[in-house]
Amino acid sequence: MATQGNTARPFQSSFKSPFKDKLSKLDERREARLEYRAPFYLFWDEPSGQSRYVKAISDEVSEHGLRLTMKEPILVNTQLSLRSENGTLFGGAGVRHVTKRGTTYVLGLELSYSLLDSALALVREVYSTPRAR
């Protein structure tokens, strides 16, 4: 199980930019993000108590989070459950940011502690798999 004190970032050195000082705060990342396109199902309760369910597509994965694209927004700080369509990644997450892009919304999720080992294994798998051309 991953420990919170572990600061090792095995993929970070591969993604350093020589222009880091010119990037905006939104572009500065704590850890490497890798392209990962896969369908996910999200489940949460609205402030009104209504249960909600939606399908989203992941864009990127990191050791502690996911970036998803979907048709509707979810409020920032909402706690939700997520499950990958193939069932390999499931558990809790929190919505950390929401941005509207055209007709879709981009959500940044921070994975719960219980998902960290699964997410790290997924990042390692994506990182080690050669890209199809």
Protein backbone atom coordinates (compact mmCIF):
# COMPACT_ATOMS: atom_id res chain seq x y z
CA MET A 1 0.00 0.00 0.00
CA ALA A 2 1.29 3.48 -0.81
CA THR A 3 2.36 5.60 2.11
CA GLN A 4 1.62 9.28 2.34
CA GLY A 5 5.23 10.01 3.21
CA ASN A 6 6.51 8.52 -0.05
CA THR A 7 7.68 11.44 -2.18
CA ALA A 8 9.22 9.36 -4.98
CA ARG A 9 7.96 10.45 -8.37
CA PRO A 10 9.32 7.78 -10.74
CA PHE A 11 8.01 9.41 -13.92
CA GLN A 12 8.58 13.09 -13.10
CA SER A 13 12.03 13.40 -14.66
CA SER A 14 10.70 12.30 -18.05
CA PHE A 15 8.31 15.24 -18.21
CA LYS A 16 10.36 18.24 -17.03
CA SER A 17 10.08 21.29 -19.22
CA PRO A 18 12.89 23.78 -19.84
CA PHE A 19 10.18 26.47 -19.89
CA LYS A 20 8.78 25.68 -16.43
CA ASP A 21 9.29 29.25 -15.18
CA LYS A 22 7.14 30.55 -18.05
CA LEU A 23 4.17 28.26 -17.33
CA SER A 24 1.07 29.52 -15.56
CA LYS A 25 0.11 28.16 -12.15
CA LEU A 26 -2.56 26.01 -13.83
CA ASP A 27 0.10 24.30 -15.95
CA GLU A 28 2.41 23.48 -13.04
CA ARG A 29 1.89 19.89 -11.98
CA ARG A 30 2.99 18.04 -8.88
CA GLU A 31 3.46 14.82 -10.82
CA ALA A 32 3.62 13.41 -14.32
CA ARG A 33 0.39 12.97 -16.23
CA LEU A 34 0.04 10.39 -18.94
CA GLU A 35 -2.50 10.21 -21.71
CA TYR A 36 -5.09 7.55 -20.89
CA ARG A 37 -8.38 7.30 -22.79
CA ALA A 38 -10.92 5.01 -21.14
CA PRO A 39 -14.60 5.13 -20.14
CA PHE A 40 -15.54 5.58 -16.47
CA TYR A 41 -18.83 5.61 -14.59
CA LEU A 42 -19.29 8.23 -11.86
CA PHE A 43 -21.85 8.06 -9.03
CA TRP A 44 -22.60 10.89 -6.57
CA ASP A 45 -25.35 12.62 -4.61
CA GLU A 46 -26.42 16.17 -5.43
CA PRO A 47 -26.78 18.67 -2.54
CA SER A 48 -30.55 18.13 -2.89
CA GLY A 49 -30.02 14.44 -2.07
CA GLN A 50 -30.74 13.22 -5.61
CA SER A 51 -28.46 10.35 -6.66
CA ARG A 52 -26.70 10.91 -9.98
CA TYR A 53 -24.87 8.68 -12.44
CA VAL A 54 -22.94 9.60 -15.59
CA LYS A 55 -20.45 8.12 -18.02
CA ALA A 56 -17.22 10.06 -18.59
CA ILE A 57 -14.06 9.54 -20.65
CA SER A 58 -10.65 9.89 -19.05
CA ASP A 59 -8.02 12.01 -20.80
CA GLU A 60 -5.06 11.69 -18.45
CA VAL A 61 -4.01 9.71 -15.40
CA SER A 62 -1.44 10.45 -12.74
CA GLU A 63 -0.40 8.72 -9.55
CA HIS A 64 -3.08 10.60 -7.57
CA GLY A 65 -5.71 11.72 -10.05
CA LEU A 66 -7.65 11.59 -13.28
CA ARG A 67 -8.76 14.18 -15.80
CA LEU A 68 -12.17 13.33 -17.27
CA THR A 69 -14.36 14.80 -19.98
CA MET A 70 -18.15 14.64 -19.65
CA LYS A 71 -21.37 16.28 -20.82
CA GLU A 72 -22.40 17.86 -17.49
CA PRO A 73 -20.60 19.49 -14.57
CA ILE A 74 -20.22 18.21 -11.03
CA LEU A 75 -19.72 20.70 -8.20
CA VAL A 76 -16.16 21.20 -6.93
CA ASN A 77 -15.51 19.33 -3.64
CA THR A 78 -18.15 16.71 -4.45
CA GLN A 79 -17.16 13.26 -3.23
CA LEU A 80 -18.05 10.55 -5.70
CA SER A 81 -17.54 6.92 -6.55
CA LEU A 82 -15.94 5.95 -9.83
CA ARG A 83 -15.51 2.71 -11.70
CA SER A 84 -13.64 2.09 -14.92
CA GLU A 85 -15.72 0.34 -17.56
CA ASN A 86 -13.45 -2.72 -17.42
CA GLY A 87 -13.68 -2.74 -13.60
CA THR A 88 -9.95 -2.55 -12.87
CA LEU A 89 -10.14 0.83 -11.12
CA PHE A 90 -12.93 1.59 -8.67
CA GLY A 91 -13.34 3.54 -5.46
CA GLY A 92 -13.77 7.09 -4.22
CA ALA A 93 -12.55 10.42 -5.53
CA GLY A 94 -13.08 14.14 -4.98
CA VAL A 95 -13.76 16.77 -7.64
CA ARG A 96 -10.93 19.34 -7.47
CA HIS A 97 -11.73 21.48 -10.52
CA VAL A 98 -14.29 21.83 -13.29
CA THR A 99 -13.76 23.73 -16.55
CA LYS A 100 -16.24 24.20 -19.40
CA ARG A 101 -14.73 23.56 -22.84
CA GLY A 102 -17.17 24.03 -25.67
CA THR A 103 -20.09 21.69 -25.05
CA THR A 104 -18.25 19.49 -22.54
CA TYR A 105 -16.80 19.81 -19.05
CA VAL A 106 -13.30 18.81 -17.96
CA LEU A 107 -13.06 17.53 -14.39
CA GLY A 108 -9.96 17.05 -12.31
CA LEU A 109 -10.38 14.28 -9.74
CA GLU A 110 -8.18 13.50 -6.78
CA LEU A 111 -8.29 9.79 -6.04
CA SER A 112 -9.00 8.55 -2.54
CA TYR A 113 -6.28 6.85 -0.54
CA SER A 114 -7.80 3.43 -1.26
CA LEU A 115 -7.27 3.95 -5.02
CA LEU A 116 -3.63 5.06 -4.90
CA ASP A 117 -2.06 1.62 -5.40
CA SER A 118 -4.42 0.84 -8.30
CA ALA A 119 -3.75 4.22 -9.91
CA LEU A 120 0.00 3.86 -9.55
CA ALA A 121 -0.15 0.41 -11.17
CA LEU A 122 -2.23 1.89 -14.00
CA VAL A 123 0.26 4.74 -14.51
CA ARG A 124 3.11 2.26 -14.63
CA GLU A 125 1.21 0.13 -17.16
CA VAL A 126 0.40 3.12 -19.39
CA TYR A 127 3.95 4.45 -19.07
CA SER A 128 5.53 1.11 -20.05
CA THR A 129 3.17 0.31 -22.94
CA PRO A 130 4.50 1.47 -26.32
CA ARG A 131 2.21 3.87 -28.17
CA ALA A 132 0.43 2.57 -31.26
CA ARG A 133 1.30 4.56 -34.36
